Amino acid sequence: MEVSFTVDATHALPSAVTVAVWDGRTWVPVEGAVVDGATASDAPTIVTFGAVRGSRLRLTLTSSHPGTPQGALRISKLEAPAG
């Protein structure tokens, strides 16, 4: 999975990214997910993990500046290829 974030006066890179999969009843954390975080605006953050079975993926993003004007997060690109 590849996700890019905008960094500007009101948006920052996340301090953490976690992934969960919908199993039909509940969100289940994806085991063994590895996040290679970007260091610049619109550069890709790469999230790798083994095959999962489910109908949806969820990203949980943690702000690196919660509660501040710079604490918003903006996804500029998201790709989650199957297989």
N, C-alpha and C. Protein backbone atom coordinates (compact mmCIF):
# COMPACT_ATOMS: atom_id res chain seq x y z
N MET A 1 0.85 -1.16 0.00
CA MET A 1 0.00 0.00 0.00
C MET A 1 0.90 1.22 0.00
N GLU A 2 0.50 2.22 -0.76
CA GLU A 2 1.27 3.46 -0.82
C GLU A 2 0.33 4.62 -0.50
N VAL A 3 0.75 5.45 0.44
CA VAL A 3 -0.04 6.62 0.81
C VAL A 3 0.90 7.81 0.92
N SER A 4 0.48 8.93 0.33
CA SER A 4 1.27 10.16 0.38
C SER A 4 0.47 11.22 1.13
N PHE A 5 1.20 12.07 1.84
CA PHE A 5 0.58 13.12 2.65
C PHE A 5 1.10 14.48 2.23
N THR A 6 0.21 15.48 2.27
CA THR A 6 0.62 16.86 2.02
C THR A 6 1.19 17.44 3.30
N VAL A 7 2.31 18.14 3.18
CA VAL A 7 2.90 18.86 4.31
C VAL A 7 2.94 20.34 3.94
N ASP A 8 2.28 21.16 4.75
CA ASP A 8 2.28 22.61 4.55
C ASP A 8 2.05 23.28 5.90
N ALA A 9 1.60 24.51 5.91
CA ALA A 9 1.45 25.26 7.16
C ALA A 9 0.45 24.64 8.13
N THR A 10 -0.52 23.90 7.62
CA THR A 10 -1.55 23.33 8.50
C THR A 10 -1.62 21.81 8.46
N HIS A 11 -0.74 21.17 7.71
CA HIS A 11 -0.74 19.71 7.59
C HIS A 11 0.65 19.16 7.84
N ALA A 12 0.71 18.04 8.54
CA ALA A 12 2.00 17.41 8.87
C ALA A 12 1.95 15.93 8.50
N LEU A 13 3.12 15.31 8.52
CA LEU A 13 3.18 13.86 8.35
C LEU A 13 2.66 13.20 9.62
N PRO A 14 2.03 12.05 9.52
CA PRO A 14 1.56 11.37 10.73
C PRO A 14 2.73 10.81 11.53
N SER A 15 2.53 10.71 12.84
CA SER A 15 3.57 10.10 13.68
C SER A 15 3.43 8.59 13.69
N ALA A 16 2.24 8.07 13.31
CA ALA A 16 2.03 6.62 13.26
C ALA A 16 0.93 6.31 12.25
N VAL A 17 1.07 5.15 11.61
CA VAL A 17 0.07 4.63 10.68
C VAL A 17 -0.14 3.16 11.03
N THR A 18 -1.40 2.77 11.26
CA THR A 18 -1.71 1.36 11.49
C THR A 18 -2.78 0.93 10.49
N VAL A 19 -2.85 -0.37 10.23
CA VAL A 19 -3.77 -0.92 9.24
C VAL A 19 -4.64 -1.98 9.89
N ALA A 20 -5.92 -1.98 9.53
CA ALA A 20 -6.85 -3.01 9.97
C ALA A 20 -7.66 -3.47 8.77
N VAL A 21 -8.17 -4.70 8.84
CA VAL A 21 -9.00 -5.27 7.78
C VAL A 21 -10.37 -5.62 8.36
N TRP A 22 -11.43 -5.40 7.57
CA TRP A 22 -12.79 -5.72 7.98
C TRP A 22 -13.04 -7.19 7.66
N ASP A 23 -13.37 -7.98 8.68
CA ASP A 23 -13.59 -9.41 8.47
C ASP A 23 -15.07 -9.77 8.30
N GLY A 24 -15.91 -8.76 8.15
CA GLY A 24 -17.35 -8.98 8.02
C GLY A 24 -18.10 -8.66 9.29
N ARG A 25 -17.39 -8.58 10.40
CA ARG A 25 -18.00 -8.27 11.70
C ARG A 25 -17.28 -7.15 12.44
N THR A 26 -15.95 -7.14 12.33
CA THR A 26 -15.16 -6.21 13.12
C THR A 26 -13.86 -5.88 12.39
N TRP A 27 -13.21 -4.80 12.84
CA TRP A 27 -11.90 -4.44 12.30
C TRP A 27 -10.84 -5.24 13.04
N VAL A 28 -9.99 -5.91 12.29
CA VAL A 28 -8.93 -6.74 12.85
C VAL A 28 -7.59 -6.13 12.47
N PRO A 29 -6.72 -5.84 13.45
CA PRO A 29 -5.41 -5.28 13.12
C PRO A 29 -4.63 -6.22 12.19
N VAL A 30 -3.97 -5.64 11.21
CA VAL A 30 -3.15 -6.43 10.28
C VAL A 30 -1.83 -6.74 10.99
N GLU A 31 -1.55 -8.01 11.14
CA GLU A 31 -0.32 -8.46 11.81
C GLU A 31 0.88 -8.26 10.90
N GLY A 32 1.97 -7.83 11.48
CA GLY A 32 3.23 -7.73 10.75
C GLY A 32 3.33 -6.59 9.75
N ALA A 33 2.44 -5.61 9.83
CA ALA A 33 2.53 -4.47 8.92
C ALA A 33 3.79 -3.67 9.22
N VAL A 34 4.51 -3.31 8.17
CA VAL A 34 5.73 -2.51 8.30
C VAL A 34 5.50 -1.19 7.57
N VAL A 35 5.77 -0.09 8.26
CA VAL A 35 5.57 1.24 7.68
C VAL A 35 6.92 1.89 7.44
N ASP A 36 7.17 2.26 6.19
CA ASP A 36 8.37 3.01 5.82
C ASP A 36 7.91 4.42 5.54
N GLY A 37 7.98 5.27 6.56
CA GLY A 37 7.42 6.61 6.51
C GLY A 37 8.17 7.58 5.62
N ALA A 38 7.41 8.43 4.94
CA ALA A 38 7.99 9.48 4.11
C ALA A 38 8.58 10.57 4.99
N THR A 39 9.44 11.38 4.40
CA THR A 39 10.04 12.49 5.13
C THR A 39 9.77 13.83 4.46
N ALA A 40 8.97 13.83 3.38
CA ALA A 40 8.69 15.06 2.66
C ALA A 40 7.25 15.05 2.14
N SER A 41 6.76 16.23 1.81
CA SER A 41 5.41 16.37 1.29
C SER A 41 5.23 15.58 -0.01
N ASP A 42 4.12 14.87 -0.08
CA ASP A 42 3.71 14.10 -1.25
C ASP A 42 4.67 12.97 -1.63
N ALA A 43 5.62 12.66 -0.78
CA ALA A 43 6.48 11.49 -0.98
C ALA A 43 5.73 10.27 -0.43
N PRO A 44 5.92 9.11 -1.04
CA PRO A 44 5.15 7.95 -0.59
C PRO A 44 5.60 7.37 0.75
N THR A 45 4.63 7.08 1.59
CA THR A 45 4.82 6.23 2.76
C THR A 45 4.40 4.84 2.31
N ILE A 46 5.28 3.87 2.45
CA ILE A 46 5.01 2.52 1.99
C ILE A 46 4.63 1.65 3.19
N VAL A 47 3.48 0.98 3.09
CA VAL A 47 3.01 0.07 4.14
C VAL A 47 2.96 -1.32 3.51
N THR A 48 3.74 -2.23 4.05
CA THR A 48 3.76 -3.59 3.51
C THR A 48 3.24 -4.57 4.57
N PHE A 49 2.55 -5.60 4.08
CA PHE A 49 2.04 -6.65 4.96
C PHE A 49 1.67 -7.84 4.09
N GLY A 50 1.55 -8.99 4.73
CA GLY A 50 1.16 -10.20 4.02
C GLY A 50 -0.28 -10.13 3.55
N ALA A 51 -0.67 -11.12 2.77
CA ALA A 51 -2.03 -11.18 2.25
C ALA A 51 -3.05 -11.21 3.40
N VAL A 52 -4.12 -10.47 3.21
CA VAL A 52 -5.22 -10.46 4.18
C VAL A 52 -6.51 -10.75 3.44
N ARG A 53 -7.49 -11.25 4.17
CA ARG A 53 -8.79 -11.55 3.58
C ARG A 53 -9.82 -10.66 4.26
N GLY A 54 -10.52 -9.88 3.46
CA GLY A 54 -11.54 -9.00 3.99
C GLY A 54 -12.08 -8.12 2.89
N SER A 55 -13.10 -7.35 3.20
CA SER A 55 -13.74 -6.52 2.19
C SER A 55 -13.29 -5.07 2.22
N ARG A 56 -12.59 -4.66 3.30
CA ARG A 56 -12.18 -3.25 3.43
C ARG A 56 -10.87 -3.17 4.21
N LEU A 57 -10.11 -2.12 3.93
CA LEU A 57 -8.93 -1.80 4.73
C LEU A 57 -9.15 -0.47 5.40
N ARG A 58 -8.63 -0.31 6.60
CA ARG A 58 -8.73 0.96 7.32
C ARG A 58 -7.34 1.38 7.76
N LEU A 59 -7.02 2.63 7.50
CA LEU A 59 -5.79 3.23 8.01
C LEU A 59 -6.16 4.08 9.21
N THR A 60 -5.43 3.92 10.29
CA THR A 60 -5.57 4.80 11.44
C THR A 60 -4.31 5.66 11.48
N LEU A 61 -4.49 6.96 11.42
CA LEU A 61 -3.39 7.91 11.36
C LEU A 61 -3.32 8.70 12.66
N THR A 62 -2.13 8.83 13.21
CA THR A 62 -1.93 9.59 14.43
C THR A 62 -1.20 10.89 14.09
N SER A 63 -1.78 12.00 14.48
CA SER A 63 -1.18 13.30 14.20
C SER A 63 0.13 13.46 14.96
N SER A 64 1.11 14.06 14.31
CA SER A 64 2.37 14.35 14.99
C SER A 64 2.28 15.65 15.80
N HIS A 65 1.20 16.41 15.59
CA HIS A 65 0.99 17.67 16.32
C HIS A 65 -0.47 17.78 16.74
N PRO A 66 -0.98 16.84 17.56
CA PRO A 66 -2.41 16.88 17.90
C PRO A 66 -2.80 18.15 18.65
N GLY A 67 -3.98 18.66 18.31
CA GLY A 67 -4.51 19.82 19.01
C GLY A 67 -3.86 21.14 18.66
N THR A 68 -3.06 21.16 17.59
CA THR A 68 -2.41 22.40 17.17
C THR A 68 -2.84 22.74 15.75
N PRO A 69 -2.62 24.00 15.32
CA PRO A 69 -2.97 24.36 13.95
C PRO A 69 -2.20 23.55 12.89
N GLN A 70 -1.06 23.00 13.25
CA GLN A 70 -0.25 22.21 12.31
C GLN A 70 -0.59 20.72 12.38
N GLY A 71 -1.60 20.35 13.13
CA GLY A 71 -1.87 18.95 13.41
C GLY A 71 -2.75 18.20 12.44
N ALA A 72 -3.27 18.88 11.42
CA ALA A 72 -4.15 18.19 10.47
C ALA A 72 -3.35 17.25 9.57
N LEU A 73 -4.02 16.24 9.05
CA LEU A 73 -3.41 15.30 8.11
C LEU A 73 -4.18 15.36 6.80
N ARG A 74 -3.47 15.34 5.69
CA ARG A 74 -4.12 15.36 4.37
C ARG A 74 -3.47 14.29 3.50
N ILE A 75 -4.28 13.33 3.07
CA ILE A 75 -3.81 12.30 2.14
C ILE A 75 -3.89 12.87 0.73
N SER A 76 -2.77 12.88 0.02
CA SER A 76 -2.77 13.38 -1.36
C SER A 76 -2.83 12.24 -2.38
N LYS A 77 -2.49 11.03 -1.95
CA LYS A 77 -2.53 9.88 -2.85
C LYS A 77 -2.65 8.62 -2.02
N LEU A 78 -3.48 7.68 -2.48
CA LEU A 78 -3.63 6.39 -1.79
C LEU A 78 -3.78 5.30 -2.84
N GLU A 79 -2.91 4.31 -2.77
CA GLU A 79 -3.00 3.16 -3.67
C GLU A 79 -2.90 1.89 -2.84
N ALA A 80 -3.83 0.99 -3.06
CA ALA A 80 -3.83 -0.29 -2.35
C ALA A 80 -4.11 -1.38 -3.37
N PRO A 81 -3.09 -1.77 -4.13
CA PRO A 81 -3.31 -2.76 -5.17
C PRO A 81 -3.66 -4.13 -4.58
N ALA A 82 -4.52 -4.85 -5.25
CA ALA A 82 -4.87 -6.21 -4.83
C ALA A 82 -3.76 -7.17 -5.24
N GLY A 83 -3.55 -8.15 -4.39
CA GLY A 83 -2.59 -9.19 -4.73
C GLY A 83 -1.24 -8.80 -4.39
